[in-house]
N, C-alpha and C. Protein backbone atom coordinates (compact mmCIF):
# COMPACT_ATOMS: atom_id res chain seq x y z
N MET A 1 19.37 1.60 4.09
CA MET A 1 18.74 0.16 3.74
C MET A 1 19.91 -0.51 2.61
N LYS A 2 20.24 -1.60 3.45
CA LYS A 2 21.44 -2.44 2.73
C LYS A 2 20.76 -2.82 1.66
N MET A 3 21.47 -2.92 0.34
CA MET A 3 21.40 -3.81 -1.10
C MET A 3 20.46 -5.17 -0.66
N VAL A 4 20.84 -5.91 0.20
CA VAL A 4 19.85 -7.26 0.15
C VAL A 4 18.69 -6.73 0.77
N GLU A 5 18.41 -6.25 1.63
CA GLU A 5 16.78 -5.50 1.86
C GLU A 5 15.94 -4.88 0.78
N GLN A 6 17.01 -4.45 0.06
CA GLN A 6 15.78 -3.36 -1.13
C GLN A 6 16.01 -4.72 -2.29
N VAL A 7 16.79 -5.59 -2.54
CA VAL A 7 16.12 -7.03 -3.36
C VAL A 7 14.80 -7.61 -3.27
N PHE A 8 15.35 -8.03 -1.04
CA PHE A 8 13.74 -8.49 -1.43
C PHE A 8 12.78 -7.44 -1.58
N LEU A 9 12.98 -6.36 -0.94
CA LEU A 9 12.17 -5.49 -1.28
C LEU A 9 11.27 -4.97 -2.74
N LEU A 10 12.14 -4.99 -3.69
CA LEU A 10 11.91 -5.33 -4.77
C LEU A 10 10.79 -6.30 -5.26
N PHE A 11 11.27 -7.55 -4.98
CA PHE A 11 10.41 -9.24 -4.82
C PHE A 11 9.13 -8.84 -4.39
N LEU A 12 9.73 -8.02 -2.96
CA LEU A 12 8.19 -7.68 -2.91
C LEU A 12 6.93 -7.15 -3.51
N THR A 13 7.86 -5.94 -3.39
CA THR A 13 6.78 -4.85 -4.52
C THR A 13 6.44 -5.63 -5.78
N VAL A 14 7.17 -6.09 -6.31
CA VAL A 14 6.98 -6.30 -8.14
C VAL A 14 5.88 -7.60 -7.95
N LEU A 15 6.69 -8.21 -6.98
CA LEU A 15 5.10 -9.75 -6.97
C LEU A 15 3.96 -9.02 -6.46
N SER A 16 3.34 -8.65 -5.20
CA SER A 16 2.38 -7.84 -5.02
C SER A 16 1.68 -7.32 -5.46
N SER A 17 2.52 -6.52 -6.63
CA SER A 17 2.01 -5.41 -7.74
C SER A 17 1.11 -6.82 -8.46
N TYR A 18 1.75 -7.52 -9.05
CA TYR A 18 1.16 -8.49 -9.99
C TYR A 18 -0.10 -9.12 -9.25
N PHE A 19 0.12 -9.82 -7.92
CA PHE A 19 -1.21 -10.31 -7.79
C PHE A 19 -2.21 -9.43 -7.42
N ASP A 20 -1.94 -8.26 -6.89
CA ASP A 20 -3.20 -7.56 -6.51
C ASP A 20 -3.45 -7.03 -8.14
N LEU A 21 -2.77 -6.76 -9.27
CA LEU A 21 -3.33 -6.30 -10.75
C LEU A 21 -4.50 -7.73 -11.20
N ARG A 22 -3.44 -8.76 -11.00
CA ARG A 22 -4.73 -10.00 -11.55
C ARG A 22 -5.09 -10.39 -10.90
N TYR A 23 -5.03 -10.75 -9.34
CA TYR A 23 -6.34 -11.59 -8.87
C TYR A 23 -7.17 -10.62 -7.56
N ARG A 24 -5.97 -9.56 -7.30
CA ARG A 24 -7.10 -8.83 -6.92
C ARG A 24 -6.73 -9.34 -5.20
N LYS A 25 -5.89 -10.27 -4.99
CA LYS A 25 -5.30 -10.67 -3.43
C LYS A 25 -3.75 -10.72 -3.61
N ILE A 26 -2.96 -10.45 -2.47
CA ILE A 26 -2.13 -10.36 -2.21
C ILE A 26 -2.01 -11.82 -1.06
N PRO A 27 -1.22 -12.77 -1.53
CA PRO A 27 -1.24 -14.09 -0.72
C PRO A 27 0.02 -13.39 0.52
N ASN A 28 -0.31 -14.30 1.87
CA ASN A 28 0.08 -13.80 2.78
C ASN A 28 1.71 -14.83 3.13
N TYR A 29 2.25 -15.32 1.82
CA TYR A 29 3.22 -15.75 2.09
C TYR A 29 4.75 -14.83 1.26
N LEU A 30 3.94 -13.99 0.65
CA LEU A 30 4.20 -13.12 -0.03
C LEU A 30 5.25 -12.16 0.86
N LEU A 31 4.71 -11.51 2.22
CA LEU A 31 4.93 -10.97 3.08
C LEU A 31 5.98 -11.14 3.67
N LEU A 32 6.45 -12.23 3.39
CA LEU A 32 7.71 -12.93 4.34
C LEU A 32 9.28 -12.18 3.81
N LEU A 33 8.59 -11.67 2.13
CA LEU A 33 10.30 -11.38 1.96
C LEU A 33 10.50 -10.06 2.37
N ALA A 34 9.81 -9.25 3.59
CA ALA A 34 9.62 -8.34 4.11
C ALA A 34 10.37 -8.50 5.19
N LEU A 35 10.83 -9.90 5.52
CA LEU A 35 11.07 -10.22 6.75
C LEU A 35 12.52 -10.08 6.83
N PRO A 36 13.63 -10.25 6.23
CA PRO A 36 15.02 -9.48 6.70
C PRO A 36 15.20 -8.07 6.42
N ALA A 37 14.34 -7.06 5.63
CA ALA A 37 14.27 -5.54 6.48
C ALA A 37 13.96 -5.67 8.10
N ILE A 38 13.17 -6.15 7.98
CA ILE A 38 12.18 -5.92 9.95
C ILE A 38 13.19 -6.39 10.48
N VAL A 39 13.72 -7.45 10.37
CA VAL A 39 14.77 -8.00 11.55
C VAL A 39 16.05 -7.49 11.63
N SER A 40 16.32 -7.10 10.36
CA SER A 40 17.88 -5.77 10.65
C SER A 40 17.25 -4.76 11.24
N ARG A 41 15.90 -3.92 10.86
CA ARG A 41 15.61 -3.06 11.66
C ARG A 41 15.57 -3.15 13.24
N ALA A 42 15.14 -4.06 13.80
CA ALA A 42 15.17 -4.71 15.08
C ALA A 42 16.19 -5.15 15.52
N TYR A 43 17.19 -5.67 15.00
CA TYR A 43 18.54 -5.67 15.51
C TYR A 43 19.37 -4.67 15.76
N GLN A 44 19.02 -3.32 14.67
CA GLN A 44 20.05 -2.69 14.99
C GLN A 44 18.86 -1.25 15.98
N GLY A 45 17.96 -2.09 17.04
CA GLY A 45 17.74 -1.70 17.85
C GLY A 45 16.56 -0.17 18.16
N GLU A 46 16.20 -0.79 16.69
CA GLU A 46 14.92 0.49 16.24
C GLU A 46 13.45 0.18 17.04
N VAL A 47 13.40 -0.91 17.85
CA VAL A 47 12.38 -1.25 18.39
C VAL A 47 10.86 -0.32 18.77
N HIS A 48 11.92 1.00 19.61
CA HIS A 48 10.63 1.81 19.39
C HIS A 48 9.91 2.33 18.06
N ASP A 49 11.02 2.79 17.12
CA ASP A 49 10.33 3.06 16.42
C ASP A 49 9.30 2.22 15.22
N VAL A 50 9.41 0.63 15.81
CA VAL A 50 8.70 -0.15 14.88
C VAL A 50 7.55 0.02 15.38
N LEU A 51 7.28 0.46 17.13
CA LEU A 51 6.05 0.25 17.69
C LEU A 51 5.21 1.38 16.92
N VAL A 52 6.41 2.32 16.90
CA VAL A 52 5.26 3.96 16.37
C VAL A 52 4.99 3.66 15.35
N ILE A 53 5.43 2.83 14.65
CA ILE A 53 5.20 2.83 13.32
C ILE A 53 3.74 1.32 13.15
N ILE A 54 3.71 0.82 13.81
CA ILE A 54 2.67 -0.03 13.69
C ILE A 54 1.46 0.65 14.43
N VAL A 55 1.62 1.52 14.85
CA VAL A 55 0.41 2.43 15.71
C VAL A 55 -0.14 3.08 14.27
N PHE A 56 0.91 4.14 13.46
CA PHE A 56 0.94 4.61 12.94
C PHE A 56 0.39 4.38 11.50
N THR A 57 0.63 3.26 11.49
CA THR A 57 0.08 2.65 9.89
C THR A 57 -1.26 1.79 9.91
N SER A 58 -1.61 1.31 11.32
CA SER A 58 -3.09 1.11 11.31
C SER A 58 -4.22 2.09 11.79
N MET A 59 -3.29 3.19 12.24
CA MET A 59 -4.43 4.17 12.27
C MET A 59 -4.41 4.87 10.97
N LEU A 60 -3.98 4.82 9.95
CA LEU A 60 -4.01 4.76 8.71
C LEU A 60 -4.74 4.17 7.68
N HIS A 61 -4.33 2.89 7.70
CA HIS A 61 -5.14 1.86 6.86
C HIS A 61 -6.06 1.01 7.90
N PHE A 62 -6.22 0.88 8.84
CA PHE A 62 -7.51 -0.09 9.76
C PHE A 62 -8.89 0.71 9.43
N PHE A 63 -9.26 2.11 9.26
CA PHE A 63 -10.42 2.70 9.12
C PHE A 63 -10.91 2.65 7.59
N ALA A 64 -9.75 2.49 6.71
CA ALA A 64 -9.86 2.54 5.40
C ALA A 64 -10.64 0.82 4.76
N TYR A 65 -10.13 -0.17 5.87
CA TYR A 65 -10.35 -1.54 5.89
C TYR A 65 -11.91 -1.41 6.51
N TYR A 66 -11.95 -1.14 7.57
CA TYR A 66 -13.56 -1.11 7.96
C TYR A 66 -14.51 -0.70 7.10
N ARG A 67 -14.16 0.77 6.59
CA ARG A 67 -14.89 0.94 5.61
C ARG A 67 -15.53 0.56 4.28
N GLY A 68 -13.86 -0.68 4.23
CA GLY A 68 -14.48 -1.16 2.84
C GLY A 68 -13.80 -1.19 1.81
N TRP A 69 -13.07 0.03 1.76
CA TRP A 69 -12.01 0.73 0.90
C TRP A 69 -10.67 -0.32 0.10
N LEU A 70 -10.46 -0.99 1.45
CA LEU A 70 -9.05 -1.45 1.16
C LEU A 70 -9.17 -2.66 1.66
N GLY A 71 -8.67 -3.68 1.12
CA GLY A 71 -8.69 -5.47 1.75
C GLY A 71 -7.80 -5.72 2.67
N GLY A 72 -7.66 -6.79 2.92
CA GLY A 72 -6.84 -7.44 4.20
C GLY A 72 -5.61 -7.43 3.40
N GLY A 73 -5.31 -8.34 3.07
CA GLY A 73 -4.24 -8.13 2.29
C GLY A 73 -3.70 -6.75 1.83
N ASP A 74 -3.89 -5.88 1.55
CA ASP A 74 -3.52 -4.21 1.54
C ASP A 74 -3.17 -3.67 2.80
N VAL A 75 -3.70 -4.25 3.75
CA VAL A 75 -3.41 -3.32 4.98
C VAL A 75 -2.45 -3.98 5.66
N LYS A 76 -1.90 -5.75 5.01
CA LYS A 76 -0.71 -6.64 5.96
C LYS A 76 0.14 -6.27 5.12
N PHE A 77 0.13 -6.24 3.45
CA PHE A 77 1.20 -5.65 3.01
C PHE A 77 1.67 -4.53 3.09
N ALA A 78 1.07 -2.70 3.54
CA ALA A 78 1.31 -1.40 4.20
C ALA A 78 2.30 -2.52 5.42
N LEU A 79 1.27 -2.73 6.60
CA LEU A 79 2.26 -3.19 7.49
C LEU A 79 3.09 -3.57 7.36
N SER A 80 3.64 -4.36 6.42
CA SER A 80 4.83 -5.34 6.62
C SER A 80 6.05 -4.39 5.63
N LEU A 81 5.36 -3.08 5.06
CA LEU A 81 6.21 -2.46 4.19
C LEU A 81 6.91 -1.75 5.25
N ALA A 82 6.12 -1.12 6.35
CA ALA A 82 5.98 0.11 6.98
C ALA A 82 6.93 -0.60 8.01
N LEU A 83 6.62 -1.74 8.53
CA LEU A 83 7.99 -2.20 9.07
C LEU A 83 9.60 -2.12 8.69
N ALA A 84 9.06 -2.81 7.16
CA ALA A 84 10.54 -2.41 6.85
C ALA A 84 11.02 -1.57 6.52
N LEU A 85 10.46 -0.30 6.23
CA LEU A 85 11.09 1.14 5.76
C LEU A 85 11.16 1.80 7.12
N GLY A 86 10.61 1.64 7.97
CA GLY A 86 10.89 2.63 9.05
C GLY A 86 10.16 3.85 9.17
N ARG A 87 11.29 4.72 9.79
CA ARG A 87 10.91 5.98 9.61
C ARG A 87 10.63 6.85 8.13
N LEU A 88 10.85 5.88 6.83
CA LEU A 88 10.61 6.26 5.78
C LEU A 88 9.41 6.25 4.75
N PHE A 89 8.60 5.55 6.04
CA PHE A 89 7.11 5.07 5.27
C PHE A 89 6.11 6.30 5.17
N PRO A 90 6.32 6.73 6.21
CA PRO A 90 5.58 8.43 6.19
C PRO A 90 5.46 8.69 4.50
N LEU A 91 6.74 9.10 3.93
CA LEU A 91 7.23 9.95 3.16
C LEU A 91 6.45 9.00 1.91
N ALA A 92 7.06 7.49 1.93
CA ALA A 92 6.41 6.48 1.22
C ALA A 92 4.98 6.46 1.15
N TRP A 93 3.92 6.58 2.03
CA TRP A 93 2.66 6.50 2.03
C TRP A 93 2.01 8.03 1.44
N PHE A 94 2.66 8.83 1.48
CA PHE A 94 2.00 10.52 1.08
C PHE A 94 2.18 10.13 -0.13
N PHE A 95 3.39 9.59 -1.15
CA PHE A 95 3.55 9.49 -2.36
C PHE A 95 2.28 8.50 -3.36
N ALA A 96 2.35 7.49 -2.00
CA ALA A 96 1.22 6.28 -2.57
C ALA A 96 -0.19 6.77 -2.78
N ALA A 97 -0.49 7.68 -2.26
CA ALA A 97 -1.66 8.31 -1.66
C ALA A 97 -1.93 9.32 -2.89
N LEU A 98 -0.77 9.77 -3.58
CA LEU A 98 -0.90 10.61 -4.52
C LEU A 98 -0.85 9.64 -5.73
N TYR A 99 -0.32 8.86 -5.90
CA TYR A 99 -0.24 7.89 -6.85
C TYR A 99 -1.39 7.07 -6.94
N ALA A 100 -2.49 6.50 -5.83
CA ALA A 100 -3.42 6.03 -5.89
C ALA A 100 -4.76 6.75 -6.35
N GLY A 101 -4.41 8.41 -5.81
CA GLY A 101 -5.36 9.39 -6.60
C GLY A 101 -5.19 9.79 -8.17
N ILE A 102 -4.14 9.94 -8.81
CA ILE A 102 -4.05 10.08 -9.85
C ILE A 102 -4.49 8.76 -10.80
N PHE A 103 -4.23 7.35 -10.51
CA PHE A 103 -4.30 6.09 -10.72
C PHE A 103 -5.59 6.09 -10.39
N GLY A 104 -6.44 5.84 -9.40
CA GLY A 104 -8.16 5.54 -9.56
C GLY A 104 -8.87 6.91 -9.99
N GLY A 105 -8.18 8.10 -10.02
CA GLY A 105 -9.01 9.26 -11.30
C GLY A 105 -8.98 8.80 -12.46
N PHE A 106 -8.04 7.92 -12.89
CA PHE A 106 -8.04 7.45 -14.57
C PHE A 106 -9.23 6.21 -14.56
N LEU A 107 -9.07 5.22 -13.64
CA LEU A 107 -9.92 4.36 -13.85
C LEU A 107 -10.92 4.96 -13.67
N LEU A 108 -11.40 6.07 -12.92
CA LEU A 108 -12.80 6.09 -12.78
C LEU A 108 -13.54 6.80 -13.42
N PHE A 109 -12.94 7.90 -14.30
CA PHE A 109 -12.91 8.68 -15.27
C PHE A 109 -12.88 8.29 -16.77
N ARG A 110 -12.22 7.49 -16.78
CA ARG A 110 -11.96 6.78 -17.99
C ARG A 110 -12.75 6.68 -18.92
N GLY A 111 -13.34 7.50 -19.92
CA GLY A 111 -13.80 6.95 -21.24
C GLY A 111 -15.26 7.53 -20.89
N ARG A 112 -15.85 7.17 -19.94
CA ARG A 112 -17.28 7.58 -18.71
C ARG A 112 -17.33 8.78 -17.68
N LEU A 113 -17.38 9.76 -18.53
CA LEU A 113 -17.80 11.00 -17.36
C LEU A 113 -18.38 10.86 -16.63
N MET A 114 -19.74 10.51 -17.10
CA MET A 114 -21.24 10.84 -16.20
C MET A 114 -20.92 9.46 -15.16
N ALA A 115 -20.59 8.08 -15.77
CA ALA A 115 -20.85 7.19 -14.78
C ALA A 115 -19.84 7.47 -13.86
N GLY A 116 -18.60 7.40 -14.37
CA GLY A 116 -17.60 8.00 -13.31
C GLY A 116 -18.09 8.94 -12.02
N LEU A 117 -18.44 9.77 -12.43
CA LEU A 117 -19.08 10.74 -11.31
C LEU A 117 -20.15 9.60 -10.41
N MET A 118 -21.07 9.14 -10.73
CA MET A 118 -21.94 8.57 -10.27
C MET A 118 -21.55 7.48 -9.57
N ASP A 119 -20.16 6.84 -9.57
CA ASP A 119 -19.50 6.18 -9.16
C ASP A 119 -18.74 7.10 -8.03
N PHE A 120 -18.04 7.94 -8.21
CA PHE A 120 -17.54 8.96 -7.39
C PHE A 120 -18.61 9.33 -6.58
N ALA A 121 -19.44 9.62 -6.51
CA ALA A 121 -20.63 9.90 -5.40
C ALA A 121 -20.98 8.87 -4.80
N PHE A 122 -21.48 7.76 -4.95
CA PHE A 122 -21.88 6.71 -4.30
C PHE A 122 -20.65 6.22 -3.40
N PHE A 123 -19.10 5.89 -4.43
CA PHE A 123 -17.79 5.82 -3.15
C PHE A 123 -17.92 7.00 -1.76
N VAL A 124 -18.34 8.14 -2.08
CA VAL A 124 -18.36 8.68 -0.92
C VAL A 124 -19.05 8.80 0.03
N SER A 125 -20.69 8.33 -0.38
CA SER A 125 -21.49 8.03 0.23
C SER A 125 -21.63 6.60 0.99
N SER A 126 -21.01 5.66 0.31
CA SER A 126 -21.02 4.31 0.81
C SER A 126 -19.64 3.59 1.11
N GLY A 127 -18.75 4.06 0.27
CA GLY A 127 -17.24 3.53 0.73
C GLY A 127 -17.47 2.50 -0.18
N LYS A 128 -18.13 2.48 -1.09
CA LYS A 128 -17.53 1.16 -2.39
C LYS A 128 -17.94 1.80 -3.61
N ALA A 129 -17.68 1.32 -4.63
CA ALA A 129 -17.85 2.21 -6.04
C ALA A 129 -18.47 1.30 -6.81
N ASN A 130 -19.44 2.03 -7.16
CA ASN A 130 -20.82 1.50 -7.54
C ASN A 130 -20.59 0.32 -8.80
N SER A 131 -19.54 0.44 -9.58
CA SER A 131 -19.67 -0.51 -10.77
C SER A 131 -18.90 -1.54 -10.31
N GLY A 132 -18.39 -1.79 -9.11
CA GLY A 132 -18.05 -3.14 -8.62
C GLY A 132 -16.58 -3.15 -8.95
N LYS A 133 -15.95 -2.23 -9.48
CA LYS A 133 -14.22 -1.93 -10.05
C LYS A 133 -13.97 -2.29 -8.70
N GLY A 134 -12.46 -2.86 -8.58
CA GLY A 134 -11.59 -2.91 -6.92
C GLY A 134 -10.54 -2.17 -7.69
N PHE A 135 -9.57 -1.92 -6.61
CA PHE A 135 -8.96 -0.84 -7.11
C PHE A 135 -7.43 -1.63 -6.17
N PRO A 136 -6.11 -1.40 -7.49
CA PRO A 136 -5.14 -2.59 -7.27
C PRO A 136 -4.11 -1.58 -6.20
N TYR A 137 -4.35 -1.22 -4.76
CA TYR A 137 -3.85 -0.74 -3.93
C TYR A 137 -1.99 -1.08 -3.90
N ALA A 138 -2.01 -2.27 -4.30
CA ALA A 138 -0.50 -2.74 -3.86
C ALA A 138 0.56 -2.27 -4.54
N VAL A 139 -0.11 -1.46 -6.45
CA VAL A 139 0.66 -1.05 -7.17
C VAL A 139 1.26 0.76 -6.85
N ALA A 140 -0.01 1.36 -5.92
CA ALA A 140 0.02 3.03 -5.95
C ALA A 140 1.44 2.38 -4.63
N LEU A 141 1.11 1.38 -3.16
CA LEU A 141 2.23 1.40 -2.30
C LEU A 141 3.48 1.59 -2.94
N SER A 142 3.54 0.31 -4.12
CA SER A 142 4.71 -0.20 -3.93
C SER A 142 5.62 1.15 -4.82
N LEU A 143 4.80 1.96 -5.72
CA LEU A 143 5.35 2.77 -6.64
C LEU A 143 5.70 3.94 -5.35
N GLY A 144 4.87 4.11 -4.62
CA GLY A 144 5.03 5.22 -3.38
C GLY A 144 6.58 4.95 -2.74
N VAL A 145 6.72 3.60 -2.49
CA VAL A 145 7.86 2.93 -1.65
C VAL A 145 9.01 3.44 -2.53
N TRP A 146 8.81 3.01 -3.77
CA TRP A 146 10.65 3.05 -4.79
C TRP A 146 10.56 4.90 -5.11
N THR A 147 9.64 5.11 -4.90
CA THR A 147 9.79 6.58 -4.70
C THR A 147 10.49 7.24 -3.79
N ALA A 148 10.07 6.96 -2.69
CA ALA A 148 10.49 7.33 -1.27
C ALA A 148 12.15 7.15 -0.96
N LEU A 149 12.51 5.82 -1.67
CA LEU A 149 13.61 5.13 -1.28
C LEU A 149 14.69 6.08 -2.18
N PHE A 150 14.17 6.30 -3.54
CA PHE A 150 15.08 6.81 -4.62
C PHE A 150 15.23 8.35 -4.26
N LEU A 151 14.48 9.04 -3.17
CA LEU A 151 14.62 10.62 -2.94
C LEU A 151 15.65 10.13 -1.67
N SER A 152 15.41 9.06 -1.07
CA SER A 152 16.24 9.08 0.14
C SER A 152 17.84 8.44 0.03
């Protein structure tokens, strides 16, 4: 991945994480920051990879969106990162799932063990936390992207 693409991804991940933490929404215009990497990937002739990535990411995230576990901005953010990263995205997604589990466990059980257990049980049965607290998935996904880029 070229340095220019990495700079745009850095801005995309930092700004998306900020908006997700602060407002629990990711503006659509931020996703345009992934455009240079997507165009570069398509220009290099990786169209087949792009199609496989769209299917892979859709299968991973649209079920969670349907269940109410992720918002639409999270799905669009993940799709734009997947298109920008190409074959590196499954590794980034693995690390994002790991970070999301750690961060979610921390948020769920922080200082309230019994309420956290009730939230977890309610989440498993209905797909939404009983406490009404949202989860900033963009932060976990951003950390996963940068871990994958660092390791590759």
